[in-house]
C-alpha atoms as a PDB file:
ATOM      1  CA  GLY A   1      19.754  15.400   1.599  1.00  0.00           C
ATOM      2  CA  TRP A   2      16.297  16.963   1.545  1.00  0.00           C
ATOM      3  CA  GLN A   3      12.683  16.126   0.757  1.00  0.00           C
ATOM      4  CA  GLN A   4      11.361  16.694  -2.742  1.00  0.00           C
ATOM      5  CA  ALA A   5       9.619  20.051  -3.116  1.00  0.00           C
ATOM      6  CA  GLN A   6       5.868  20.246  -3.688  1.00  0.00           C
ATOM      7  CA  GLN A   7       5.415  21.782  -7.102  1.00  0.00           C
ATOM      8  CA  ASP A   8       2.629  24.206  -8.147  1.00  0.00           C
ATOM      9  CA  SER A   9       1.274  22.962 -11.491  1.00  0.00           C
ATOM     10  CA  ALA A  10       1.026  26.551 -12.786  1.00  0.00           C
ATOM     11  CA  LEU A  11       4.738  27.250 -12.327  1.00  0.00           C
ATOM     12  CA  ASP A  12       7.751  25.467 -13.760  1.00  0.00           C
ATOM     13  CA  PHE A  13      10.421  24.216 -11.347  1.00  0.00           C
ATOM     14  CA  ASN A  14      13.722  26.046 -11.871  1.00  0.00           C
ATOM     15  CA  TYR A  15      16.180  24.758  -9.283  1.00  0.00           C
ATOM     16  CA  TYR A  16      17.026  24.113  -5.659  1.00  0.00           C
ATOM     17  CA  LEU A  17      19.409  26.767  -4.337  1.00  0.00           C
ATOM     18  CA  LEU A  18      21.864  25.628  -1.648  1.00  0.00           C
ATOM     19  CA  LEU A  19      23.495  28.296   0.494  1.00  0.00           C
ATOM     20  CA  GLY A  20      26.214  28.226   3.147  1.00  0.00           C
ATOM     21  CA  SER A  21      27.878  30.577   5.610  1.00  0.00           C
ATOM     22  CA  ASN A  22      30.392  30.672   8.445  1.00  0.00           C
ATOM     23  CA  ASN A  23      28.005  32.761  10.533  1.00  0.00           C
ATOM     24  CA  PRO A  24      24.408  31.811  11.443  1.00  0.00           C
ATOM     25  CA  ASN A  25      23.307  35.374  10.647  1.00  0.00           C
ATOM     26  CA  GLY A  26      25.040  35.443   7.256  1.00  0.00           C
ATOM     27  CA  PRO A  27      25.938  36.605   4.756  1.00  0.00           C
ATOM     28  CA  TYR A  28      25.220  33.337   2.900  1.00  0.00           C
ATOM     29  CA  ASP A  29      26.993  32.325  -0.306  1.00  0.00           C
ATOM     30  CA  THR A  30      25.500  30.212  -3.071  1.00  0.00           C
ATOM     31  CA  ILE A  31      27.021  26.736  -2.982  1.00  0.00           C
ATOM     32  CA  THR A  32      25.234  25.366  -6.036  1.00  0.00           C
ATOM     33  CA  ARG A  33      21.972  25.144  -7.967  1.00  0.00           C
ATOM     34  CA  VAL A  34      20.350  21.745  -8.552  1.00  0.00           C
ATOM     35  CA  TYR A  35      18.135  21.852 -11.647  1.00  0.00           C
ATOM     36  CA  ASP A  36      16.507  18.399 -11.377  1.00  0.00           C
ATOM     37  CA  ILE A  37      13.576  18.351  -8.912  1.00  0.00           C
ATOM     38  CA  SER A  38      14.102  14.622  -8.289  1.00  0.00           C
ATOM     39  CA  ILE A  39      17.741  15.012  -7.127  1.00  0.00           C
ATOM     40  CA  LEU A  40      17.531  15.240  -3.351  1.00  0.00           C
ATOM     41  CA  ASP A  41      21.158  15.425  -2.206  1.00  0.00           C
ATOM     42  CA  HIS A  42      24.428  17.113  -3.087  1.00  0.00           C
ATOM     43  CA  THR A  43      28.029  16.407  -2.086  1.00  0.00           C
ATOM     44  CA  PHE A  44      30.655  19.120  -2.290  1.00  0.00           C
ATOM     45  CA  ILE A  45      34.145  19.917  -1.051  1.00  0.00           C
ATOM     46  CA  ASN A  46      33.693  22.403   1.781  1.00  0.00           C
ATOM     47  CA  SER A  47      36.788  24.486   0.941  1.00  0.00           C
ATOM     48  CA  ASN A  48      35.223  27.594   2.528  1.00  0.00           C
ATOM     49  CA  ASN A  49      34.597  25.728   5.796  1.00  0.00           C
ATOM     50  CA  TYR A  50      30.899  26.578   5.860  1.00  0.00           C
ATOM     51  CA  GLU A  51      29.198  25.630   9.119  1.00  0.00           C
ATOM     52  CA  TYR A  52      25.594  26.748   8.428  1.00  0.00           C
ATOM     53  CA  PHE A  53      23.360  25.744   5.521  1.00  0.00           C
ATOM     54  CA  TYR A  54      19.850  26.148   4.148  1.00  0.00           C
ATOM     55  CA  ILE A  55      17.968  25.515   0.893  1.00  0.00           C
ATOM     56  CA  ILE A  56      15.294  27.368  -1.103  1.00  0.00           C
ATOM     57  CA  LYS A  57      13.361  26.575  -4.289  1.00  0.00           C
ATOM     58  CA  SER A  58      12.979  28.693  -7.438  1.00  0.00           C
ATOM     59  CA  THR A  59       9.923  28.478  -9.696  1.00  0.00           C
ATOM     60  CA  GLY A  60       8.452  30.380 -12.630  1.00  0.00           C
ATOM     61  CA  ASN A  61       9.833  32.740 -15.248  1.00  0.00           C
ATOM     62  CA  CYS A  62      10.225  35.495 -12.652  1.00  0.00           C
ATOM     63  CA  ASP A  63      12.353  33.317 -10.388  1.00  0.00           C
ATOM     64  CA  PHE A  64       9.883  33.113  -7.500  1.00  0.00           C
ATOM     65  CA  LEU A  65      11.774  31.959  -4.416  1.00  0.00           C
ATOM     66  CA  SER A  66      10.249  29.851  -1.657  1.00  0.00           C
ATOM     67  CA  ASP A  67      10.680  30.465   2.035  1.00  0.00           C
ATOM     68  CA  PRO A  68      14.016  29.074   3.243  1.00  0.00           C
ATOM     69  CA  SER A  69      14.334  25.728   4.965  1.00  0.00           C
ATOM     70  CA  ASP A  70      15.506  25.445   8.547  1.00  0.00           C
ATOM     71  CA  THR A  71      19.133  26.446   8.950  1.00  0.00           C
ATOM     72  CA  LEU A  72      21.288  23.424   9.714  1.00  0.00           C
ATOM     73  CA  SER A  73      24.766  23.578  11.210  1.00  0.00           C
ATOM     74  CA  LEU A  74      27.653  21.142  11.420  1.00  0.00           C
ATOM     75  CA  MET A  75      27.633  19.140  14.641  1.00  0.00           C
ATOM     76  CA  LYS A  76      30.987  19.548  16.373  1.00  0.00           C
ATOM     77  CA  MET A  77      31.521  16.886  19.017  1.00  0.00           C
ATOM     78  CA  SER A  78      34.256  16.743  21.639  1.00  0.00           C
ATOM     79  CA  LEU A  79      35.209  13.811  23.862  1.00  0.00           C
ATOM     80  CA  THR A  80      36.763  13.983  27.320  1.00  0.00           C
ATOM     81  CA  ALA A  81      37.965  10.673  28.763  1.00  0.00           C
ATOM     82  CA  THR A  82      37.979  10.353  32.571  1.00  0.00           C
ATOM     83  CA  PRO A  83      39.709   9.732  34.858  1.00  0.00           C
ATOM     84  CA  PRO A  84      42.922  10.904  33.159  1.00  0.00           C
ATOM     85  CA  GLY A  85      45.462   8.146  32.592  1.00  0.00           C
ATOM     86  CA  ASN A  86      43.020   5.375  33.497  1.00  0.00           C
ATOM     87  CA  ALA A  87      39.921   6.350  31.537  1.00  0.00           C
ATOM     88  CA  GLU A  88      36.738   4.318  31.564  1.00  0.00           C
ATOM     89  CA  THR A  89      34.141   7.068  31.025  1.00  0.00           C
ATOM     90  CA  ALA A  90      33.526   8.999  27.788  1.00  0.00           C
ATOM     91  CA  ASN A  91      32.013  12.448  28.350  1.00  0.00           C
ATOM     92  CA  LEU A  92      30.601  13.796  25.071  1.00  0.00           C
ATOM     93  CA  THR A  93      29.356  17.298  24.214  1.00  0.00           C
ATOM     94  CA  TRP A  94      28.353  18.704  20.820  1.00  0.00           C
ATOM     95  CA  THR A  95      26.825  21.666  19.037  1.00  0.00           C
ATOM     96  CA  PRO A  96      23.204  21.383  17.797  1.00  0.00           C
ATOM     97  CA  LEU A  97      22.281  20.328  14.260  1.00  0.00           C
ATOM     98  CA  SER A  98      19.513  22.941  14.254  1.00  0.00           C
ATOM     99  CA  GLN A  99      17.696  25.114  16.764  1.00  0.00           C
ATOM    100  CA  THR A 100      14.953  22.480  16.917  1.00  0.00           C
ATOM    101  CA  LEU A 101      15.402  19.016  15.460  1.00  0.00           C
ATOM    102  CA  HIS A 102      12.931  18.214  12.684  1.00  0.00           C
ATOM    103  CA  ALA A 103      10.025  15.940  13.641  1.00  0.00           C
ATOM    104  CA  SER A 104      11.207  13.283  11.166  1.00  0.00           C
ATOM    105  CA  SER A 105      14.338  12.803  13.292  1.00  0.00           C
ATOM    106  CA  GLY A 106      12.313  11.857  16.353  1.00  0.00           C
ATOM    107  CA  GLY A 107      13.977  14.805  18.080  1.00  0.00           C
ATOM    108  CA  VAL A 108      16.924  12.721  19.281  1.00  0.00           C
ATOM    109  CA  TYR A 109      20.673  12.588  18.847  1.00  0.00           C
ATOM    110  CA  GLN A 110      22.106   9.075  18.507  1.00  0.00           C
ATOM    111  CA  ILE A 111      25.447   8.183  20.115  1.00  0.00           C
ATOM    112  CA  TRP A 112      27.594   5.728  18.131  1.00  0.00           C
ATOM    113  CA  THR A 113      30.922   4.156  19.041  1.00  0.00           C
ATOM    114  CA  GLU A 114      33.527   2.039  17.273  1.00  0.00           C
ATOM    115  CA  ALA A 115      35.533   0.056  19.821  1.00  0.00           C
ATOM    116  CA  PRO A 116      38.273  -0.648  19.225  1.00  0.00           C
ATOM    117  CA  ALA A 117      38.835   2.135  16.690  1.00  0.00           C
ATOM    118  CA  GLY A 118      39.384   0.862  13.160  1.00  0.00           C
ATOM    119  CA  SER A 119      37.451  -2.373  13.712  1.00  0.00           C
ATOM    120  CA  GLY A 120      34.531  -1.199  11.573  1.00  0.00           C
ATOM    121  CA  ASN A 121      32.157  -2.368  14.303  1.00  0.00           C
ATOM    122  CA  TRP A 122      30.016   0.733  14.842  1.00  0.00           C
ATOM    123  CA  VAL A 123      27.307   0.310  17.505  1.00  0.00           C
ATOM    124  CA  GLN A 124      24.673   2.733  18.762  1.00  0.00           C
ATOM    125  CA  VAL A 125      25.128   2.951  22.545  1.00  0.00           C
ATOM    126  CA  GLY A 126      22.433   5.483  23.379  1.00  0.00           C
ATOM    127  CA  SER A 127      20.299   8.444  22.390  1.00  0.00           C
ATOM    128  CA  THR A 128      19.331  11.737  23.981  1.00  0.00           C
ATOM    129  CA  THR A 129      17.493  15.000  23.385  1.00  0.00           C
ATOM    130  CA  ASN A 130      20.327  16.862  25.138  1.00  0.00           C
ATOM    131  CA  LEU A 131      23.674  18.094  23.807  1.00  0.00           C
ATOM    132  CA  SER A 132      25.757  15.887  26.094  1.00  0.00           C
ATOM    133  CA  TYR A 133      26.070  12.206  26.964  1.00  0.00           C
ATOM    134  CA  THR A 134      28.177  10.029  29.277  1.00  0.00           C
ATOM    135  CA  ASP A 135      29.116   6.483  28.267  1.00  0.00           C
ATOM    136  CA  GLN A 136      30.788   3.797  30.372  1.00  0.00           C
ATOM    137  CA  VAL A 137      33.426   2.208  28.112  1.00  0.00           C
ATOM    138  CA  THR A 138      34.173  -1.508  28.363  1.00  0.00           C
ATOM    139  CA  VAL A 139      37.226  -1.911  26.116  1.00  0.00           C
ATOM    140  CA  CYS A 140      40.550  -2.685  27.783  1.00  0.00           C
ATOM    141  CA  ASN A 141      43.611  -0.638  26.783  1.00  0.00           C
ATOM    142  CA  ALA A 142      42.150   0.290  23.394  1.00  0.00           C
ATOM    143  CA  VAL A 143      41.163   3.438  21.507  1.00  0.00           C
ATOM    144  CA  ALA A 144      37.430   4.000  20.926  1.00  0.00           C
ATOM    145  CA  ASN A 145      35.886   6.334  18.342  1.00  0.00           C
ATOM    146  CA  TYR A 146      32.666   8.259  18.982  1.00  0.00           C
ATOM    147  CA  GLN A 147      30.263  10.069  16.664  1.00  0.00           C
ATOM    148  CA  ILE A 148      26.891  11.806  17.044  1.00  0.00           C
ATOM    149  CA  ARG A 149      24.224  11.129  14.400  1.00  0.00           C
ATOM    150  CA  VAL A 150      20.735  12.406  13.641  1.00  0.00           C
ATOM    151  CA  TYR A 151      18.611  10.091  11.500  1.00  0.00           C
ATOM    152  CA  ASP A 152      15.843  11.378   9.208  1.00  0.00           C
ATOM    153  CA  THR A 153      13.124   8.747   8.920  1.00  0.00           C
ATOM    154  CA  VAL A 154      11.666  10.377   5.784  1.00  0.00           C
ATOM    155  CA  THR A 155      14.777  10.733   3.615  1.00  0.00           C
ATOM    156  CA  GLY A 156      16.639   7.816   5.205  1.00  0.00           C
ATOM    157  CA  CYS A 157      19.730  10.025   5.619  1.00  0.00           C
ATOM    158  CA  TYR A 158      22.050  10.581   8.570  1.00  0.00           C
ATOM    159  CA  SER A 159      23.556  13.875   9.642  1.00  0.00           C
ATOM    160  CA  ALA A 160      26.796  13.064  11.450  1.00  0.00           C
ATOM    161  CA  SER A 161      29.295  14.919  13.597  1.00  0.00           C
ATOM    162  CA  ASN A 162      33.060  14.719  13.417  1.00  0.00           C
ATOM    163  CA  LEU A 163      34.823  11.745  15.007  1.00  0.00           C
ATOM    164  CA  ASP A 164      36.669  12.003  18.301  1.00  0.00           C
ATOM    165  CA  SER A 165      38.579   9.277  20.111  1.00  0.00           C
ATOM    166  CA  ALA A 166      40.458   8.419  23.287  1.00  0.00           C
ATOM    167  CA  LEU A 167      42.335   5.550  24.944  1.00  0.00           C
ATOM    168  CA  PHE A 168      40.312   3.638  27.537  1.00  0.00           C
ATOM    169  CA  SER A 169      41.466   1.127  30.148  1.00  0.00           C
ATOM    170  CA  ASP A 170      38.338  -0.388  31.780  1.00  0.00           C
ATOM    171  CA  GLN A 171      40.078  -1.134  35.082  1.00  0.00           C
ATOM    172  CA  SER A 172      36.861  -1.476  37.092  1.00  0.00           C
ATOM    173  CA  ASN A 173      35.289  -4.881  37.613  1.00  0.00           C
ATOM    174  CA  ARG A 174      31.525  -4.450  37.885  1.00  0.00           C
ATOM    175  CA  ASP A 175      30.659  -8.123  37.331  1.00  0.00           C
ATOM    176  CA  VAL A 176      28.522  -9.971  39.849  1.00  0.00           C
ATOM    177  CA  MET A 177      29.443 -13.658  39.840  1.00  0.00           C
ATOM    178  CA  TYR A 178      26.747 -16.317  40.327  1.00  0.00           C
ATOM    179  CA  ILE A 179      27.634 -19.771  41.674  1.00  0.00           C
ATOM    180  CA  ASP A 180      25.553 -22.605  40.192  1.00  0.00           C
ATOM    181  CA  SER A 181      26.543 -25.413  42.509  1.00  0.00           C
ATOM    182  CA  VAL A 182      29.048 -26.730  45.039  1.00  0.00           C
ATOM    183  CA  THR A 183      29.338 -30.506  45.505  1.00  0.00           C
ATOM    184  CA  VAL A 184      31.657 -33.036  47.155  1.00  0.00           C
ATOM    185  CA  ALA A 185      32.866 -35.683  44.737  1.00  0.00           C
ATOM    186  CA  PRO A 186      33.471 -39.367  45.817  1.00  0.00           C
ATOM    187  CA  SER A 187      37.174 -38.551  45.952  1.00  0.00           C
ATOM    188  CA  GLN A 188      36.327 -36.086  48.745  1.00  0.00           C
ATOM    189  CA  ARG A 189      37.274 -33.218  46.460  1.00  0.00           C
ATOM    190  CA  SER A 190      34.961 -30.232  46.120  1.00  0.00           C
ATOM    191  CA  ALA A 191      33.548 -29.197  42.766  1.00  0.00           C
ATOM    192  CA  MET A 192      32.253 -25.712  42.080  1.00  0.00           C
ATOM    193  CA  ALA A 193      30.474 -24.309  38.985  1.00  0.00           C
ATOM    194  CA  TRP A 194      29.522 -20.730  38.137  1.00  0.00           C
ATOM    195  CA  GLN A 195      27.972 -18.622  35.404  1.00  0.00           C
ATOM    196  CA  PRO A 196      30.476 -17.059  32.975  1.00  0.00           C
ATOM    197  CA  THR A 197      31.100 -13.345  32.972  1.00  0.00           C
ATOM    198  CA  SER A 198      29.707 -11.229  30.150  1.00  0.00           C
ATOM    199  CA  ALA A 199      32.936  -9.207  29.940  1.00  0.00           C
ATOM    200  CA  GLY A 200      35.207  -9.896  26.997  1.00  0.00           C
ATOM    201  CA  ASP A 201      38.516  -9.069  28.681  1.00  0.00           C
ATOM    202  CA  VAL A 202      38.688 -11.629  31.524  1.00  0.00           C
ATOM    203  CA  VAL A 203      42.188 -12.709  32.522  1.00  0.00           C
ATOM    204  CA  GLU A 204      41.309 -15.297  35.195  1.00  0.00           C
ATOM    205  CA  TYR A 205      38.683 -16.388  37.701  1.00  0.00           C
ATOM    206  CA  GLN A 206      39.902 -16.370  41.292  1.00  0.00           C
ATOM    207  CA  VAL A 207      38.318 -18.952  43.650  1.00  0.00           C
END
């Protein structure tokens, strides 16, 4: 998606020209022309595996071309789960969307996870201005999906990375238990009460 072009009243709008390449320095191929100034997105099958994109505008009978937009690239994210065989930490790294994120994105990458994978329950777990992030995973013996997203507050669109996933175990117990009360009942038996844990994978409380 993109923002609608500002149009000079003296020149007719011709089209948006979308270009793509496998190399940031080109050469760039024409992906398509969009002839309606109000159409602000385009979906296509990326059969040429383009990784870098930009857009320009054509106006007037002489095909005057605007300056190009920022060059955007596909975000490629990779996930390393640690420690091996008993993973509870997701270490994420990814390639940048652009050399400098546009101001309308807030300059941040959002980290989203779906745990367990396939549940449809996507949750944003953090954000960063860096190209890496570490997340402590709390699912037990389940696969979790991760994705990086950049949100544009002007167009309302997301740019999203590929998905990557891993099996996590969550074998560490980081809960701190809080006892409410301990009393002696008339039967001379003791009664104890405590606050419940916030974890969703509790097997038993040990007293």
